[in-house]
């Protein structure tokens, strides 16, 4: 009997150790993969500035991107990414949050379920189809409505990115709103506040941390998008003077030229990736910090 118990305990101990090892290996794979990607991109991207004498300042603030003339300035791409992201947030965030509020607090369950299903389906649409939709519908509409020579523009980028970030913002914000304790709402209603007042003065402030997390994820989707933007941006490596001018964001610049680039040109595209990585990192750190403060 004692021997049988010892064997059973040994088997449990072995299983525990194996499980621990499997979990540890899985975690290490994720971390190592991240480090390898970052290391490779930074190595390739910083090579021109360390060993070839190119100026990082001119790279960041230069306004001309002409690889054939050895000119690599990505300021127009940086501004295009910033304007596109900020514009899509201005449009997409209010719509997303209000939709989440409607689903979680106002709509009947049957209606809310239908809208939630539609949002889930919207999240499953491939990025390139958003771009095709933008090219076939949004671009001609901009061209005709605003009497522009071409519809591929920063405005089209903002509209497409706004639509693409909606599923992320709506889903996360809805979850945050539903997680607010019922006692908060009941207390507000008991004090004489209306349902709408309770929603906007009690529920949304209480869910602010989760809503900011939704915005963070939406920003990540907007900045990192490539395929859809290639089709609607116009891809002009110049600083836009108008919302109707063609632009080339950082991601689009990499995707368009990496296939045939080599030598310094290729390394400068990796350097563009470094800038994009740092841009996303700083933005996420700032928004995460705001989110953690709101949650305290």
C-alpha atoms as a PDB file:
ATOM      1  CA  UNK A   1       0.000   0.000   0.000  1.00  0.00           C
ATOM      2  CA  UNK A   2       2.808   2.386   0.945  1.00  0.00           C
ATOM      3  CA  UNK A   3       4.742   1.492  -2.221  1.00  0.00           C
ATOM      4  CA  UNK A   4       1.619   2.141  -4.336  1.00  0.00           C
ATOM      5  CA  UNK A   5       1.176   5.564  -2.718  1.00  0.00           C
ATOM      6  CA  UNK A   6       4.835   6.396  -3.300  1.00  0.00           C
ATOM      7  CA  UNK A   7       4.532   5.460  -6.976  1.00  0.00           C
ATOM      8  CA  UNK A   8       1.390   7.581  -7.244  1.00  0.00           C
ATOM      9  CA  UNK A   9       3.127  10.539  -5.619  1.00  0.00           C
ATOM     10  CA  UNK A  10       6.172  10.116  -7.868  1.00  0.00           C
ATOM     11  CA  UNK A  11       3.920  10.063 -10.923  1.00  0.00           C
ATOM     12  CA  UNK A  12       2.215  13.249  -9.773  1.00  0.00           C
ATOM     13  CA  UNK A  13       5.595  14.854  -9.131  1.00  0.00           C
ATOM     14  CA  UNK A  14       6.820  13.926 -12.619  1.00  0.00           C
ATOM     15  CA  UNK A  15       3.618  15.240 -14.230  1.00  0.00           C
ATOM     16  CA  UNK A  16       3.937  18.474 -12.244  1.00  0.00           C
ATOM     17  CA  UNK A  17       7.533  18.944 -13.396  1.00  0.00           C
ATOM     18  CA  UNK A  18       6.663  18.197 -17.025  1.00  0.00           C
ATOM     19  CA  UNK A  19       3.734  20.640 -16.909  1.00  0.00           C
ATOM     20  CA  UNK A  20       5.963  23.290 -15.363  1.00  0.00           C
ATOM     21  CA  UNK A  21       8.584  22.740 -18.066  1.00  0.00           C
ATOM     22  CA  UNK A  22       5.992  22.947 -20.871  1.00  0.00           C
ATOM     23  CA  UNK A  23       4.578  26.215 -19.507  1.00  0.00           C
ATOM     24  CA  UNK A  24       8.053  27.654 -19.051  1.00  0.00           C
ATOM     25  CA  UNK A  25       9.095  26.693 -22.599  1.00  0.00           C
ATOM     26  CA  UNK A  26       5.911  28.240 -24.007  1.00  0.00           C
ATOM     27  CA  UNK A  27       6.584  31.494 -22.162  1.00  0.00           C
ATOM     28  CA  UNK A  28      10.224  31.504 -23.250  1.00  0.00           C
ATOM     29  CA  UNK A  29       9.244  30.954 -26.897  1.00  0.00           C
ATOM     30  CA  UNK A  30       7.051  34.055 -26.784  1.00  0.00           C
ATOM     31  CA  UNK A  31       9.746  36.170 -25.118  1.00  0.00           C
ATOM     32  CA  UNK A  32      12.568  34.869 -27.330  1.00  0.00           C
ATOM     33  CA  UNK A  33      10.502  35.445 -30.483  1.00  0.00           C
ATOM     34  CA  UNK A  34       9.916  39.047 -29.432  1.00  0.00           C
ATOM     35  CA  UNK A  35      13.592  39.590 -28.659  1.00  0.00           C
ATOM     36  CA  UNK A  36      14.687  38.047 -31.967  1.00  0.00           C
ATOM     37  CA  UNK A  37      12.315  40.233 -33.975  1.00  0.00           C
ATOM     38  CA  UNK A  38      13.323  43.397 -32.115  1.00  0.00           C
ATOM     39  CA  UNK A  39      17.010  42.528 -32.309  1.00  0.00           C
ATOM     40  CA  UNK A  40      16.910  41.785 -36.042  1.00  0.00           C
ATOM     41  CA  UNK A  41      14.914  44.910 -36.930  1.00  0.00           C
ATOM     42  CA  UNK A  42      17.101  47.173 -34.789  1.00  0.00           C
ATOM     43  CA  UNK A  43      20.319  45.601 -36.107  1.00  0.00           C
ATOM     44  CA  UNK A  44      19.300  46.074 -39.733  1.00  0.00           C
ATOM     45  CA  UNK A  45      17.692  49.462 -39.124  1.00  0.00           C
ATOM     46  CA  UNK A  46      20.543  51.065 -37.179  1.00  0.00           C
ATOM     47  CA  UNK A  47      23.337  49.793 -39.449  1.00  0.00           C
ATOM     48  CA  UNK A  48      23.224  52.788 -41.890  1.00  0.00           C
ATOM     49  CA  UNK A  49      23.629  55.255 -39.023  1.00  0.00           C
ATOM     50  CA  UNK A  50      26.334  53.374 -37.149  1.00  0.00           C
ATOM     51  CA  UNK A  51      28.554  52.034 -39.942  1.00  0.00           C
ATOM     52  CA  UNK A  52      27.657  54.067 -43.033  1.00  0.00           C
ATOM     53  CA  UNK A  53      27.581  57.581 -41.628  1.00  0.00           C
ATOM     54  CA  UNK A  54      23.969  58.506 -42.394  1.00  0.00           C
ATOM     55  CA  UNK A  55      22.399  61.120 -40.131  1.00  0.00           C
ATOM     56  CA  UNK A  56      19.505  59.867 -38.032  1.00  0.00           C
ATOM     57  CA  UNK A  57      18.284  63.451 -37.658  1.00  0.00           C
ATOM     58  CA  UNK A  58      18.091  63.905 -41.429  1.00  0.00           C
ATOM     59  CA  UNK A  59      16.353  60.559 -41.672  1.00  0.00           C
ATOM     60  CA  UNK A  60      13.683  61.619 -39.175  1.00  0.00           C
ATOM     61  CA  UNK A  61      13.201  65.195 -40.327  1.00  0.00           C
ATOM     62  CA  UNK A  62      14.042  64.947 -44.023  1.00  0.00           C
ATOM     63  CA  UNK A  63      11.145  65.575 -46.393  1.00  0.00           C
ATOM     64  CA  UNK A  64      12.386  63.749 -49.484  1.00  0.00           C
ATOM     65  CA  UNK A  65      12.267  59.989 -49.974  1.00  0.00           C
ATOM     66  CA  UNK A  66      14.141  59.252 -53.215  1.00  0.00           C
ATOM     67  CA  UNK A  67      16.167  56.021 -52.808  1.00  0.00           C
ATOM     68  CA  UNK A  68      17.618  56.324 -56.329  1.00  0.00           C
ATOM     69  CA  UNK A  69      19.184  59.661 -55.307  1.00  0.00           C
ATOM     70  CA  UNK A  70      20.272  58.341 -51.886  1.00  0.00           C
ATOM     71  CA  UNK A  71      17.756  60.582 -50.100  1.00  0.00           C
ATOM     72  CA  UNK A  72      15.925  59.029 -47.183  1.00  0.00           C
ATOM     73  CA  UNK A  73      13.653  61.382 -45.267  1.00  0.00           C
ATOM     74  CA  UNK A  74      10.601  59.929 -43.533  1.00  0.00           C
ATOM     75  CA  UNK A  75       8.975  63.031 -42.024  1.00  0.00           C
ATOM     76  CA  UNK A  76       6.082  62.870 -44.551  1.00  0.00           C
ATOM     77  CA  UNK A  77       5.453  59.229 -43.551  1.00  0.00           C
ATOM     78  CA  UNK A  78       5.594  60.038 -39.833  1.00  0.00           C
ATOM     79  CA  UNK A  79       3.110  62.884 -40.244  1.00  0.00           C
ATOM     80  CA  UNK A  80       0.846  60.700 -42.394  1.00  0.00           C
ATOM     81  CA  UNK A  81       0.792  58.006 -39.682  1.00  0.00           C
ATOM     82  CA  UNK A  82       0.142  60.571 -36.942  1.00  0.00           C
ATOM     83  CA  UNK A  83      -2.612  62.411 -38.834  1.00  0.00           C
ATOM     84  CA  UNK A  84      -4.255  59.180 -39.953  1.00  0.00           C
ATOM     85  CA  UNK A  85      -4.215  57.721 -36.444  1.00  0.00           C
ATOM     86  CA  UNK A  86      -5.409  60.890 -34.686  1.00  0.00           C
ATOM     87  CA  UNK A  87      -8.114  61.462 -37.297  1.00  0.00           C
ATOM     88  CA  UNK A  88      -9.393  57.899 -37.007  1.00  0.00           C
ATOM     89  CA  UNK A  89      -9.452  58.213 -33.213  1.00  0.00           C
ATOM     90  CA  UNK A  90     -11.461  61.434 -33.414  1.00  0.00           C
ATOM     91  CA  UNK A  91     -14.018  59.693 -35.621  1.00  0.00           C
ATOM     92  CA  UNK A  92     -13.893  56.105 -34.386  1.00  0.00           C
ATOM     93  CA  UNK A  93     -13.631  56.448 -30.603  1.00  0.00           C
ATOM     94  CA  UNK A  94     -16.903  58.380 -30.005  1.00  0.00           C
ATOM     95  CA  UNK A  95     -18.812  56.093 -32.366  1.00  0.00           C
ATOM     96  CA  UNK A  96     -17.321  52.976 -30.770  1.00  0.00           C
ATOM     97  CA  UNK A  97     -17.975  54.053 -27.193  1.00  0.00           C
ATOM     98  CA  UNK A  98     -21.532  55.201 -27.917  1.00  0.00           C
ATOM     99  CA  UNK A  99     -22.231  51.910 -29.694  1.00  0.00           C
ATOM    100  CA  UNK A 100     -20.865  49.986 -26.702  1.00  0.00           C
ATOM    101  CA  UNK A 101     -23.063  52.044 -24.361  1.00  0.00           C
ATOM    102  CA  UNK A 102     -26.092  51.354 -26.533  1.00  0.00           C
ATOM    103  CA  UNK A 103     -25.454  47.596 -26.589  1.00  0.00           C
ATOM    104  CA  UNK A 104     -24.693  47.290 -22.870  1.00  0.00           C
ATOM    105  CA  UNK A 105     -27.112  49.799 -21.331  1.00  0.00           C
ATOM    106  CA  UNK A 106     -29.874  50.904 -23.662  1.00  0.00           C
ATOM    107  CA  UNK A 107     -30.741  48.366 -26.363  1.00  0.00           C
ATOM    108  CA  UNK A 108     -33.164  45.478 -25.695  1.00  0.00           C
ATOM    109  CA  UNK A 109     -31.321  42.166 -25.382  1.00  0.00           C
ATOM    110  CA  UNK A 110     -32.481  40.928 -28.789  1.00  0.00           C
ATOM    111  CA  UNK A 111     -31.334  44.103 -30.546  1.00  0.00           C
ATOM    112  CA  UNK A 112     -28.070  44.199 -28.602  1.00  0.00           C
ATOM    113  CA  UNK A 113     -27.357  40.588 -29.566  1.00  0.00           C
ATOM    114  CA  UNK A 114     -27.859  41.362 -33.259  1.00  0.00           C
ATOM    115  CA  UNK A 115     -25.518  44.376 -33.100  1.00  0.00           C
ATOM    116  CA  UNK A 116     -22.907  42.403 -31.130  1.00  0.00           C
ATOM    117  CA  UNK A 117     -22.990  39.660 -33.760  1.00  0.00           C
ATOM    118  CA  UNK A 118     -22.550  42.245 -36.519  1.00  0.00           C
ATOM    119  CA  UNK A 119     -19.580  43.743 -34.658  1.00  0.00           C
ATOM    120  CA  UNK A 120     -17.988  40.298 -34.317  1.00  0.00           C
ATOM    121  CA  UNK A 121     -18.431  39.696 -38.035  1.00  0.00           C
ATOM    122  CA  UNK A 122     -16.912  43.097 -38.748  1.00  0.00           C
ATOM    123  CA  UNK A 123     -13.849  42.070 -36.739  1.00  0.00           C
ATOM    124  CA  UNK A 124     -13.474  38.919 -38.842  1.00  0.00           C
ATOM    125  CA  UNK A 125     -13.321  40.676 -42.215  1.00  0.00           C
ATOM    126  CA  UNK A 126      -9.780  40.534 -43.708  1.00  0.00           C
ATOM    127  CA  UNK A 127      -7.951  43.857 -43.859  1.00  0.00           C
ATOM    128  CA  UNK A 128      -7.597  43.792 -47.624  1.00  0.00           C
ATOM    129  CA  UNK A 129     -11.389  43.689 -48.015  1.00  0.00           C
ATOM    130  CA  UNK A 130     -11.665  46.914 -46.029  1.00  0.00           C
ATOM    131  CA  UNK A 131      -9.227  48.380 -48.518  1.00  0.00           C
ATOM    132  CA  UNK A 132     -11.205  47.087 -51.492  1.00  0.00           C
ATOM    133  CA  UNK A 133     -14.391  48.555 -49.973  1.00  0.00           C
ATOM    134  CA  UNK A 134     -12.623  51.873 -49.465  1.00  0.00           C
ATOM    135  CA  UNK A 135     -11.266  51.866 -53.010  1.00  0.00           C
ATOM    136  CA  UNK A 136     -14.631  50.983 -54.573  1.00  0.00           C
ATOM    137  CA  UNK A 137     -16.973  53.068 -52.385  1.00  0.00           C
ATOM    138  CA  UNK A 138     -15.208  55.651 -50.220  1.00  0.00           C
ATOM    139  CA  UNK A 139     -12.616  56.862 -52.739  1.00  0.00           C
ATOM    140  CA  UNK A 140     -15.158  57.590 -55.550  1.00  0.00           C
ATOM    141  CA  UNK A 141     -17.510  59.207 -53.000  1.00  0.00           C
ATOM    142  CA  UNK A 142     -14.761  61.599 -51.835  1.00  0.00           C
ATOM    143  CA  UNK A 143     -13.811  62.374 -55.419  1.00  0.00           C
ATOM    144  CA  UNK A 144     -17.377  63.217 -56.468  1.00  0.00           C
ATOM    145  CA  UNK A 145     -18.631  64.852 -53.282  1.00  0.00           C
ATOM    146  CA  UNK A 146     -15.671  67.173 -52.745  1.00  0.00           C
ATOM    147  CA  UNK A 147     -14.804  67.614 -56.431  1.00  0.00           C
ATOM    148  CA  UNK A 148     -11.269  66.290 -56.064  1.00  0.00           C
ATOM    149  CA  UNK A 149      -8.973  65.055 -58.865  1.00  0.00           C
ATOM    150  CA  UNK A 150      -8.513  61.814 -56.927  1.00  0.00           C
ATOM    151  CA  UNK A 151     -10.210  60.259 -53.925  1.00  0.00           C
ATOM    152  CA  UNK A 152      -7.198  58.357 -52.579  1.00  0.00           C
ATOM    153  CA  UNK A 153      -6.232  60.634 -49.727  1.00  0.00           C
ATOM    154  CA  UNK A 154      -5.680  61.152 -46.025  1.00  0.00           C
ATOM    155  CA  UNK A 155      -9.444  61.540 -45.654  1.00  0.00           C
ATOM    156  CA  UNK A 156     -10.008  58.074 -47.110  1.00  0.00           C
ATOM    157  CA  UNK A 157      -7.351  56.669 -44.760  1.00  0.00           C
ATOM    158  CA  UNK A 158      -9.120  58.203 -41.744  1.00  0.00           C
ATOM    159  CA  UNK A 159     -12.508  56.787 -42.746  1.00  0.00           C
ATOM    160  CA  UNK A 160     -11.178  53.271 -43.406  1.00  0.00           C
ATOM    161  CA  UNK A 161      -9.146  53.184 -40.177  1.00  0.00           C
ATOM    162  CA  UNK A 162     -12.156  54.461 -38.218  1.00  0.00           C
ATOM    163  CA  UNK A 163     -14.263  51.576 -39.510  1.00  0.00           C
ATOM    164  CA  UNK A 164     -11.503  49.044 -38.869  1.00  0.00           C
ATOM    165  CA  UNK A 165     -10.959  50.034 -35.244  1.00  0.00           C
ATOM    166  CA  UNK A 166     -14.670  49.958 -34.352  1.00  0.00           C
ATOM    167  CA  UNK A 167     -14.910  46.206 -33.541  1.00  0.00           C
ATOM    168  CA  UNK A 168     -11.974  46.386 -31.118  1.00  0.00           C
ATOM    169  CA  UNK A 169     -13.194  49.508 -29.341  1.00  0.00           C
ATOM    170  CA  UNK A 170     -16.821  48.353 -29.155  1.00  0.00           C
ATOM    171  CA  UNK A 171     -16.021  44.871 -27.837  1.00  0.00           C
ATOM    172  CA  UNK A 172     -13.555  45.952 -25.131  1.00  0.00           C
ATOM    173  CA  UNK A 173     -15.596  49.008 -24.084  1.00  0.00           C
ATOM    174  CA  UNK A 174     -18.771  46.930 -23.866  1.00  0.00           C
ATOM    175  CA  UNK A 175     -17.036  44.422 -21.601  1.00  0.00           C
ATOM    176  CA  UNK A 176     -15.775  47.255 -19.382  1.00  0.00           C
ATOM    177  CA  UNK A 177     -19.238  48.825 -19.133  1.00  0.00           C
ATOM    178  CA  UNK A 178     -20.903  45.503 -18.290  1.00  0.00           C
ATOM    179  CA  UNK A 179     -18.343  44.910 -15.528  1.00  0.00           C
ATOM    180  CA  UNK A 180     -19.457  48.017 -13.580  1.00  0.00           C
ATOM    181  CA  UNK A 181     -21.186  46.811 -10.367  1.00  0.00           C
ATOM    182  CA  UNK A 182     -24.969  47.061 -10.435  1.00  0.00           C
ATOM    183  CA  UNK A 183     -24.878  48.799  -7.059  1.00  0.00           C
ATOM    184  CA  UNK A 184     -23.418  51.891  -8.731  1.00  0.00           C
ATOM    185  CA  UNK A 185     -26.354  52.157 -11.125  1.00  0.00           C
ATOM    186  CA  UNK A 186     -28.950  51.287  -8.501  1.00  0.00           C
ATOM    187  CA  UNK A 187     -27.563  53.910  -6.125  1.00  0.00           C
ATOM    188  CA  UNK A 188     -27.626  56.591  -8.820  1.00  0.00           C
ATOM    189  CA  UNK A 189     -31.173  55.735  -9.854  1.00  0.00           C
ATOM    190  CA  UNK A 190     -32.280  55.689  -6.213  1.00  0.00           C
ATOM    191  CA  UNK A 191     -30.979  59.253  -5.819  1.00  0.00           C
ATOM    192  CA  UNK A 192     -33.269  60.401  -8.632  1.00  0.00           C
ATOM    193  CA  UNK A 193     -30.912  60.401 -11.614  1.00  0.00           C
ATOM    194  CA  UNK A 194     -32.335  59.362 -14.970  1.00  0.00           C
ATOM    195  CA  UNK A 195     -31.089  56.310 -16.848  1.00  0.00           C
ATOM    196  CA  UNK A 196     -29.099  58.454 -19.305  1.00  0.00           C
ATOM    197  CA  UNK A 197     -27.587  60.543 -16.491  1.00  0.00           C
ATOM    198  CA  UNK A 198     -26.599  57.368 -14.666  1.00  0.00           C
ATOM    199  CA  UNK A 199     -25.012  55.955 -17.803  1.00  0.00           C
ATOM    200  CA  UNK A 200     -22.901  59.001 -18.607  1.00  0.00           C
ATOM    201  CA  UNK A 201     -22.141  60.283 -15.093  1.00  0.00           C
ATOM    202  CA  UNK A 202     -21.713  57.009 -13.210  1.00  0.00           C
ATOM    203  CA  UNK A 203     -21.266  53.984 -15.472  1.00  0.00           C
ATOM    204  CA  UNK A 204     -18.859  55.430 -18.058  1.00  0.00           C
ATOM    205  CA  UNK A 205     -16.573  57.096 -15.444  1.00  0.00           C
ATOM    206  CA  UNK A 206     -16.499  53.801 -13.513  1.00  0.00           C
ATOM    207  CA  UNK A 207     -15.541  51.934 -16.692  1.00  0.00           C
ATOM    208  CA  UNK A 208     -12.979  54.546 -17.796  1.00  0.00           C
ATOM    209  CA  UNK A 209      -9.989  52.266 -17.305  1.00  0.00           C
ATOM    210  CA  UNK A 210     -11.430  49.586 -19.586  1.00  0.00           C
ATOM    211  CA  UNK A 211     -12.512  52.170 -22.148  1.00  0.00           C
ATOM    212  CA  UNK A 212      -8.979  53.583 -22.275  1.00  0.00           C
ATOM    213  CA  UNK A 213      -7.708  50.042 -22.806  1.00  0.00           C
ATOM    214  CA  UNK A 214     -10.092  49.810 -25.765  1.00  0.00           C
ATOM    215  CA  UNK A 215      -8.627  53.035 -27.159  1.00  0.00           C
ATOM    216  CA  UNK A 216      -5.091  51.634 -26.750  1.00  0.00           C
ATOM    217  CA  UNK A 217      -6.003  48.537 -28.745  1.00  0.00           C
ATOM    218  CA  UNK A 218      -7.737  50.694 -31.352  1.00  0.00           C
ATOM    219  CA  UNK A 219      -4.603  52.825 -31.723  1.00  0.00           C
ATOM    220  CA  UNK A 220      -2.537  49.689 -32.231  1.00  0.00           C
ATOM    221  CA  UNK A 221      -4.894  48.539 -34.976  1.00  0.00           C
ATOM    222  CA  UNK A 222      -4.796  51.935 -36.684  1.00  0.00           C
ATOM    223  CA  UNK A 223      -1.019  52.422 -36.610  1.00  0.00           C
ATOM    224  CA  UNK A 224      -0.153  48.915 -37.688  1.00  0.00           C
ATOM    225  CA  UNK A 225      -2.593  48.601 -40.581  1.00  0.00           C
ATOM    226  CA  UNK A 226      -1.008  48.192 -43.999  1.00  0.00           C
ATOM    227  CA  UNK A 227      -2.937  46.373 -46.722  1.00  0.00           C
ATOM    228  CA  UNK A 228      -6.147  48.386 -46.524  1.00  0.00           C
ATOM    229  CA  UNK A 229      -4.239  51.675 -46.409  1.00  0.00           C
ATOM    230  CA  UNK A 230      -2.150  50.893 -49.493  1.00  0.00           C
ATOM    231  CA  UNK A 231      -5.337  50.849 -51.557  1.00  0.00           C
ATOM    232  CA  UNK A 232      -6.800  54.161 -50.339  1.00  0.00           C
ATOM    233  CA  UNK A 233      -3.862  56.367 -49.273  1.00  0.00           C
ATOM    234  CA  UNK A 234      -2.559  57.490 -52.656  1.00  0.00           C
ATOM    235  CA  UNK A 235       0.972  56.549 -51.504  1.00  0.00           C
ATOM    236  CA  UNK A 236       2.591  59.940 -52.179  1.00  0.00           C
ATOM    237  CA  UNK A 237       5.799  60.400 -50.108  1.00  0.00           C
ATOM    238  CA  UNK A 238       5.156  64.112 -49.584  1.00  0.00           C
ATOM    239  CA  UNK A 239       3.780  66.175 -46.700  1.00  0.00           C
ATOM    240  CA  UNK A 240       0.037  66.593 -47.131  1.00  0.00           C
ATOM    241  CA  UNK A 241      -1.198  70.187 -47.303  1.00  0.00           C
ATOM    242  CA  UNK A 242      -4.818  69.122 -47.213  1.00  0.00           C
ATOM    243  CA  UNK A 243      -6.899  66.246 -45.919  1.00  0.00           C
ATOM    244  CA  UNK A 244      -7.607  65.437 -49.574  1.00  0.00           C
ATOM    245  CA  UNK A 245      -3.936  64.961 -50.513  1.00  0.00           C
ATOM    246  CA  UNK A 246      -2.434  61.527 -51.020  1.00  0.00           C
ATOM    247  CA  UNK A 247      -0.211  60.255 -48.202  1.00  0.00           C
ATOM    248  CA  UNK A 248       2.133  57.372 -47.443  1.00  0.00           C
ATOM    249  CA  UNK A 249       2.146  56.134 -43.813  1.00  0.00           C
ATOM    250  CA  UNK A 250       5.152  54.328 -42.338  1.00  0.00           C
ATOM    251  CA  UNK A 251       3.696  50.837 -42.727  1.00  0.00           C
ATOM    252  CA  UNK A 252       2.757  51.466 -46.344  1.00  0.00           C
ATOM    253  CA  UNK A 253       6.241  52.745 -47.152  1.00  0.00           C
ATOM    254  CA  UNK A 254       7.772  49.492 -45.897  1.00  0.00           C
ATOM    255  CA  UNK A 255       5.263  47.242 -47.661  1.00  0.00           C
ATOM    256  CA  UNK A 256       5.507  49.009 -51.015  1.00  0.00           C
ATOM    257  CA  UNK A 257       9.289  48.928 -51.361  1.00  0.00           C
ATOM    258  CA  UNK A 258      10.633  46.043 -49.291  1.00  0.00           C
ATOM    259  CA  UNK A 259       9.993  43.530 -52.072  1.00  0.00           C
ATOM    260  CA  UNK A 260      12.599  45.004 -54.417  1.00  0.00           C
ATOM    261  CA  UNK A 261      14.842  46.998 -52.041  1.00  0.00           C
ATOM    262  CA  UNK A 262      18.434  45.993 -51.335  1.00  0.00           C
ATOM    263  CA  UNK A 263      21.528  47.427 -49.663  1.00  0.00           C
ATOM    264  CA  UNK A 264      21.109  50.808 -48.007  1.00  0.00           C
ATOM    265  CA  UNK A 265      17.574  51.176 -49.334  1.00  0.00           C
ATOM    266  CA  UNK A 266      16.523  47.978 -47.567  1.00  0.00           C
ATOM    267  CA  UNK A 267      18.273  49.012 -44.357  1.00  0.00           C
ATOM    268  CA  UNK A 268      16.479  52.366 -44.413  1.00  0.00           C
ATOM    269  CA  UNK A 269      13.170  50.513 -44.657  1.00  0.00           C
ATOM    270  CA  UNK A 270      14.171  48.538 -41.567  1.00  0.00           C
ATOM    271  CA  UNK A 271      15.029  51.881 -39.947  1.00  0.00           C
ATOM    272  CA  UNK A 272      11.490  52.983 -40.786  1.00  0.00           C
ATOM    273  CA  UNK A 273      10.325  49.886 -38.931  1.00  0.00           C
ATOM    274  CA  UNK A 274      12.426  50.924 -35.921  1.00  0.00           C
ATOM    275  CA  UNK A 275      10.749  54.343 -35.888  1.00  0.00           C
ATOM    276  CA  UNK A 276       7.326  52.712 -36.203  1.00  0.00           C
ATOM    277  CA  UNK A 277       8.128  50.333 -33.342  1.00  0.00           C
ATOM    278  CA  UNK A 278       9.288  53.171 -31.078  1.00  0.00           C
ATOM    279  CA  UNK A 279       6.267  55.262 -32.035  1.00  0.00           C
ATOM    280  CA  UNK A 280       3.851  52.470 -31.091  1.00  0.00           C
ATOM    281  CA  UNK A 281       5.789  51.686 -27.909  1.00  0.00           C
ATOM    282  CA  UNK A 282       5.744  55.281 -26.646  1.00  0.00           C
ATOM    283  CA  UNK A 283       2.081  55.745 -27.526  1.00  0.00           C
ATOM    284  CA  UNK A 284       1.047  52.519 -25.801  1.00  0.00           C
ATOM    285  CA  UNK A 285       3.111  53.372 -22.708  1.00  0.00           C
ATOM    286  CA  UNK A 286       1.450  56.789 -22.456  1.00  0.00           C
ATOM    287  CA  UNK A 287      -2.056  55.411 -22.907  1.00  0.00           C
ATOM    288  CA  UNK A 288      -1.370  52.506 -20.541  1.00  0.00           C
ATOM    289  CA  UNK A 289      -0.116  54.942 -17.928  1.00  0.00           C
ATOM    290  CA  UNK A 290      -3.290  56.981 -18.285  1.00  0.00           C
ATOM    291  CA  UNK A 291      -5.339  53.792 -18.080  1.00  0.00           C
ATOM    292  CA  UNK A 292      -3.600  52.657 -14.874  1.00  0.00           C
ATOM    293  CA  UNK A 293      -4.104  56.093 -13.290  1.00  0.00           C
ATOM    294  CA  UNK A 294      -7.798  56.033 -14.110  1.00  0.00           C
ATOM    295  CA  UNK A 295      -8.097  52.559 -12.642  1.00  0.00           C
ATOM    296  CA  UNK A 296      -6.620  53.618  -9.280  1.00  0.00           C
END
